């Protein structure tokens, strides 16, 4: 993880190895949903490395935790 970059949803997507332009972020969110009450780290669509990064971000309350929370909200929205 590169801690020198500003923290934003787009940069979180880059950290996860995903396309980070606004259209790609919206497309990802539109095509991936969490089940009601499901934690973001248990999304079936994450690779093990991505899930680990998300889990560590939340457990350690890292600099990325706010963006991970934002993504979780957006993935849970219907």
N, C-alpha and C. Protein backbone atom coordinates (compact mmCIF):
# COMPACT_ATOMS: atom_id res chain seq x y z
N UNK A 1 0.84 -1.18 0.00
CA UNK A 1 0.00 0.00 0.00
C UNK A 1 0.88 1.23 0.00
N UNK A 2 0.52 2.16 -0.83
CA UNK A 2 1.24 3.43 -0.90
C UNK A 2 0.52 4.44 -0.02
N UNK A 3 1.18 4.89 1.06
CA UNK A 3 0.54 5.83 1.98
C UNK A 3 0.78 7.28 1.60
N UNK A 4 1.49 7.53 0.51
CA UNK A 4 1.79 8.90 0.12
C UNK A 4 0.73 9.52 -0.78
N UNK A 5 -0.22 8.72 -1.24
CA UNK A 5 -1.25 9.26 -2.13
C UNK A 5 -2.44 9.77 -1.32
N UNK A 6 -3.15 10.76 -1.83
CA UNK A 6 -4.34 11.25 -1.13
C UNK A 6 -5.41 10.15 -1.07
N UNK A 7 -6.18 10.16 -0.03
CA UNK A 7 -7.20 9.13 0.15
C UNK A 7 -8.52 9.60 -0.42
N UNK A 8 -8.99 8.86 -1.41
CA UNK A 8 -10.27 9.13 -2.06
C UNK A 8 -10.82 7.79 -2.53
N UNK A 9 -12.07 7.79 -2.92
CA UNK A 9 -12.65 6.54 -3.42
C UNK A 9 -11.91 6.07 -4.67
N UNK A 10 -11.56 7.00 -5.55
CA UNK A 10 -10.82 6.62 -6.76
C UNK A 10 -9.47 6.00 -6.40
N UNK A 11 -8.78 6.57 -5.44
CA UNK A 11 -7.49 6.02 -5.04
C UNK A 11 -7.64 4.69 -4.31
N UNK A 12 -8.75 4.52 -3.60
CA UNK A 12 -9.01 3.21 -2.99
C UNK A 12 -9.16 2.16 -4.08
N UNK A 13 -9.88 2.48 -5.14
CA UNK A 13 -10.02 1.54 -6.25
C UNK A 13 -8.66 1.22 -6.86
N UNK A 14 -7.80 2.21 -6.98
CA UNK A 14 -6.44 1.95 -7.48
C UNK A 14 -5.70 1.00 -6.54
N UNK A 15 -5.82 1.22 -5.23
CA UNK A 15 -5.15 0.36 -4.26
C UNK A 15 -5.66 -1.08 -4.37
N UNK A 16 -6.93 -1.23 -4.75
CA UNK A 16 -7.53 -2.55 -4.92
C UNK A 16 -7.23 -3.15 -6.29
N UNK A 17 -6.54 -2.39 -7.14
CA UNK A 17 -6.20 -2.89 -8.47
C UNK A 17 -7.37 -2.83 -9.44
N UNK A 18 -8.31 -1.93 -9.19
CA UNK A 18 -9.49 -1.80 -10.03
C UNK A 18 -9.43 -0.49 -10.81
N UNK A 19 -10.16 -0.45 -11.91
CA UNK A 19 -10.27 0.80 -12.68
C UNK A 19 -10.85 1.88 -11.78
N UNK A 20 -10.28 3.08 -11.85
CA UNK A 20 -10.63 4.10 -10.87
C UNK A 20 -11.26 5.36 -11.44
N UNK A 21 -11.60 5.35 -12.71
CA UNK A 21 -12.28 6.51 -13.27
C UNK A 21 -13.74 6.47 -12.79
N UNK A 22 -14.42 7.62 -12.75
CA UNK A 22 -15.79 7.66 -12.22
C UNK A 22 -16.75 6.67 -12.87
N UNK A 23 -16.69 6.52 -14.18
CA UNK A 23 -17.60 5.59 -14.86
C UNK A 23 -17.34 4.14 -14.43
N UNK A 24 -16.07 3.78 -14.28
CA UNK A 24 -15.73 2.42 -13.86
C UNK A 24 -16.14 2.16 -12.41
N UNK A 25 -15.97 3.15 -11.56
CA UNK A 25 -16.40 3.01 -10.16
C UNK A 25 -17.92 2.81 -10.12
N UNK A 26 -18.66 3.64 -10.84
CA UNK A 26 -20.12 3.50 -10.86
C UNK A 26 -20.53 2.15 -11.42
N UNK A 27 -19.86 1.68 -12.48
CA UNK A 27 -20.19 0.38 -13.07
C UNK A 27 -19.91 -0.75 -12.08
N UNK A 28 -18.79 -0.66 -11.35
CA UNK A 28 -18.47 -1.68 -10.36
C UNK A 28 -19.56 -1.73 -9.29
N UNK A 29 -19.92 -0.56 -8.78
CA UNK A 29 -20.93 -0.49 -7.72
C UNK A 29 -22.28 -0.97 -8.23
N UNK A 30 -22.62 -0.64 -9.46
CA UNK A 30 -23.90 -1.09 -10.03
C UNK A 30 -23.95 -2.60 -10.21
N UNK A 31 -22.81 -3.23 -10.42
CA UNK A 31 -22.81 -4.67 -10.71
C UNK A 31 -22.38 -5.54 -9.53
N UNK A 32 -22.05 -4.93 -8.40
CA UNK A 32 -21.64 -5.68 -7.21
C UNK A 32 -22.42 -5.15 -6.02
N UNK A 33 -23.08 -6.04 -5.33
CA UNK A 33 -23.88 -5.65 -4.18
C UNK A 33 -23.57 -6.54 -2.99
N UNK A 34 -23.64 -5.93 -1.82
CA UNK A 34 -23.55 -6.68 -0.58
C UNK A 34 -24.96 -7.08 -0.17
N UNK A 35 -25.08 -8.24 0.45
CA UNK A 35 -26.36 -8.67 0.98
C UNK A 35 -26.66 -7.84 2.23
N UNK A 36 -27.94 -7.68 2.57
CA UNK A 36 -28.27 -6.91 3.78
C UNK A 36 -27.51 -7.45 4.99
N UNK A 37 -26.84 -6.56 5.70
CA UNK A 37 -26.08 -6.93 6.89
C UNK A 37 -24.71 -7.53 6.61
N UNK A 38 -24.35 -7.72 5.36
CA UNK A 38 -23.07 -8.33 5.01
C UNK A 38 -21.95 -7.30 5.11
N UNK A 39 -20.86 -7.67 5.75
CA UNK A 39 -19.69 -6.81 5.84
C UNK A 39 -19.01 -6.72 4.47
N UNK A 40 -18.43 -5.57 4.21
CA UNK A 40 -17.74 -5.37 2.94
C UNK A 40 -16.64 -6.41 2.72
N UNK A 41 -16.00 -6.85 3.78
CA UNK A 41 -14.90 -7.81 3.62
C UNK A 41 -15.38 -9.19 3.19
N UNK A 42 -16.68 -9.45 3.29
CA UNK A 42 -17.23 -10.75 2.91
C UNK A 42 -17.90 -10.74 1.54
N UNK A 43 -17.72 -9.66 0.80
CA UNK A 43 -18.26 -9.63 -0.56
C UNK A 43 -17.61 -10.74 -1.38
N UNK A 44 -18.43 -11.51 -2.10
CA UNK A 44 -17.93 -12.65 -2.88
C UNK A 44 -17.08 -12.23 -4.06
N UNK A 45 -17.11 -10.96 -4.40
CA UNK A 45 -16.44 -10.46 -5.60
C UNK A 45 -15.00 -10.02 -5.35
N UNK A 46 -14.53 -10.02 -4.10
CA UNK A 46 -13.15 -9.60 -3.81
C UNK A 46 -12.19 -10.76 -3.99
N UNK A 47 -11.01 -10.46 -4.45
CA UNK A 47 -9.93 -11.46 -4.42
C UNK A 47 -9.48 -11.58 -2.96
N UNK A 48 -8.76 -12.64 -2.62
CA UNK A 48 -8.26 -12.73 -1.24
C UNK A 48 -7.40 -11.53 -0.84
N UNK A 49 -6.58 -11.03 -1.75
CA UNK A 49 -5.73 -9.88 -1.43
C UNK A 49 -6.58 -8.62 -1.20
N UNK A 50 -7.60 -8.42 -2.02
CA UNK A 50 -8.47 -7.27 -1.83
C UNK A 50 -9.22 -7.35 -0.50
N UNK A 51 -9.76 -8.51 -0.20
CA UNK A 51 -10.49 -8.70 1.07
C UNK A 51 -9.56 -8.46 2.26
N UNK A 52 -8.33 -8.92 2.15
CA UNK A 52 -7.35 -8.72 3.22
C UNK A 52 -7.06 -7.23 3.41
N UNK A 53 -6.87 -6.51 2.33
CA UNK A 53 -6.62 -5.07 2.40
C UNK A 53 -7.79 -4.36 3.08
N UNK A 54 -9.01 -4.69 2.67
CA UNK A 54 -10.19 -4.07 3.26
C UNK A 54 -10.31 -4.39 4.74
N UNK A 55 -10.09 -5.67 5.09
CA UNK A 55 -10.17 -6.11 6.49
C UNK A 55 -9.13 -5.37 7.34
N UNK A 56 -7.90 -5.31 6.87
CA UNK A 56 -6.84 -4.63 7.62
C UNK A 56 -7.13 -3.14 7.74
N UNK A 57 -7.67 -2.55 6.70
CA UNK A 57 -8.00 -1.12 6.75
C UNK A 57 -9.00 -0.84 7.86
N UNK A 58 -10.00 -1.70 7.98
CA UNK A 58 -11.02 -1.50 9.01
C UNK A 58 -10.52 -1.88 10.39
N UNK A 59 -9.85 -3.01 10.51
CA UNK A 59 -9.36 -3.47 11.82
C UNK A 59 -8.36 -2.50 12.41
N UNK A 60 -7.49 -1.97 11.58
CA UNK A 60 -6.45 -1.06 12.06
C UNK A 60 -6.90 0.39 12.09
N UNK A 61 -8.16 0.64 11.68
CA UNK A 61 -8.67 2.00 11.54
C UNK A 61 -7.64 2.85 10.80
N UNK A 62 -7.19 2.30 9.67
CA UNK A 62 -6.14 2.94 8.87
C UNK A 62 -6.65 4.20 8.19
N UNK A 63 -5.75 4.85 7.48
CA UNK A 63 -6.11 6.04 6.72
C UNK A 63 -7.18 5.74 5.66
N UNK A 64 -7.29 4.48 5.26
CA UNK A 64 -8.25 4.09 4.22
C UNK A 64 -9.61 3.75 4.79
N UNK A 65 -9.77 3.67 6.11
CA UNK A 65 -11.01 3.20 6.71
C UNK A 65 -12.22 4.02 6.27
N UNK A 66 -12.08 5.33 6.17
CA UNK A 66 -13.21 6.17 5.78
C UNK A 66 -13.67 5.85 4.36
N UNK A 67 -12.74 5.65 3.45
CA UNK A 67 -13.09 5.32 2.07
C UNK A 67 -13.69 3.92 1.99
N UNK A 68 -13.17 2.98 2.78
CA UNK A 68 -13.74 1.63 2.81
C UNK A 68 -15.18 1.69 3.31
N UNK A 69 -15.43 2.49 4.35
CA UNK A 69 -16.79 2.66 4.86
C UNK A 69 -17.70 3.27 3.79
N UNK A 70 -17.20 4.26 3.07
CA UNK A 70 -17.99 4.88 2.00
C UNK A 70 -18.35 3.86 0.93
N UNK A 71 -17.38 3.05 0.55
CA UNK A 71 -17.63 2.01 -0.45
C UNK A 71 -18.63 1.01 0.07
N UNK A 72 -18.53 0.63 1.33
CA UNK A 72 -19.48 -0.33 1.90
C UNK A 72 -20.90 0.21 1.84
N UNK A 73 -21.06 1.49 2.14
CA UNK A 73 -22.40 2.11 2.07
C UNK A 73 -22.91 2.06 0.63
N UNK A 74 -22.04 2.43 -0.30
CA UNK A 74 -22.48 2.46 -1.70
C UNK A 74 -22.78 1.06 -2.24
N UNK A 75 -22.05 0.06 -1.78
CA UNK A 75 -22.32 -1.32 -2.22
C UNK A 75 -23.56 -1.89 -1.58
N UNK A 76 -23.95 -1.34 -0.45
CA UNK A 76 -25.14 -1.83 0.24
C UNK A 76 -26.41 -1.12 -0.17
N UNK A 77 -26.27 -0.01 -0.86
CA UNK A 77 -27.46 0.76 -1.26
C UNK A 77 -28.20 0.01 -2.36
N UNK A 78 -29.51 0.08 -2.30
CA UNK A 78 -30.30 -0.63 -3.31
C UNK A 78 -30.74 0.28 -4.42
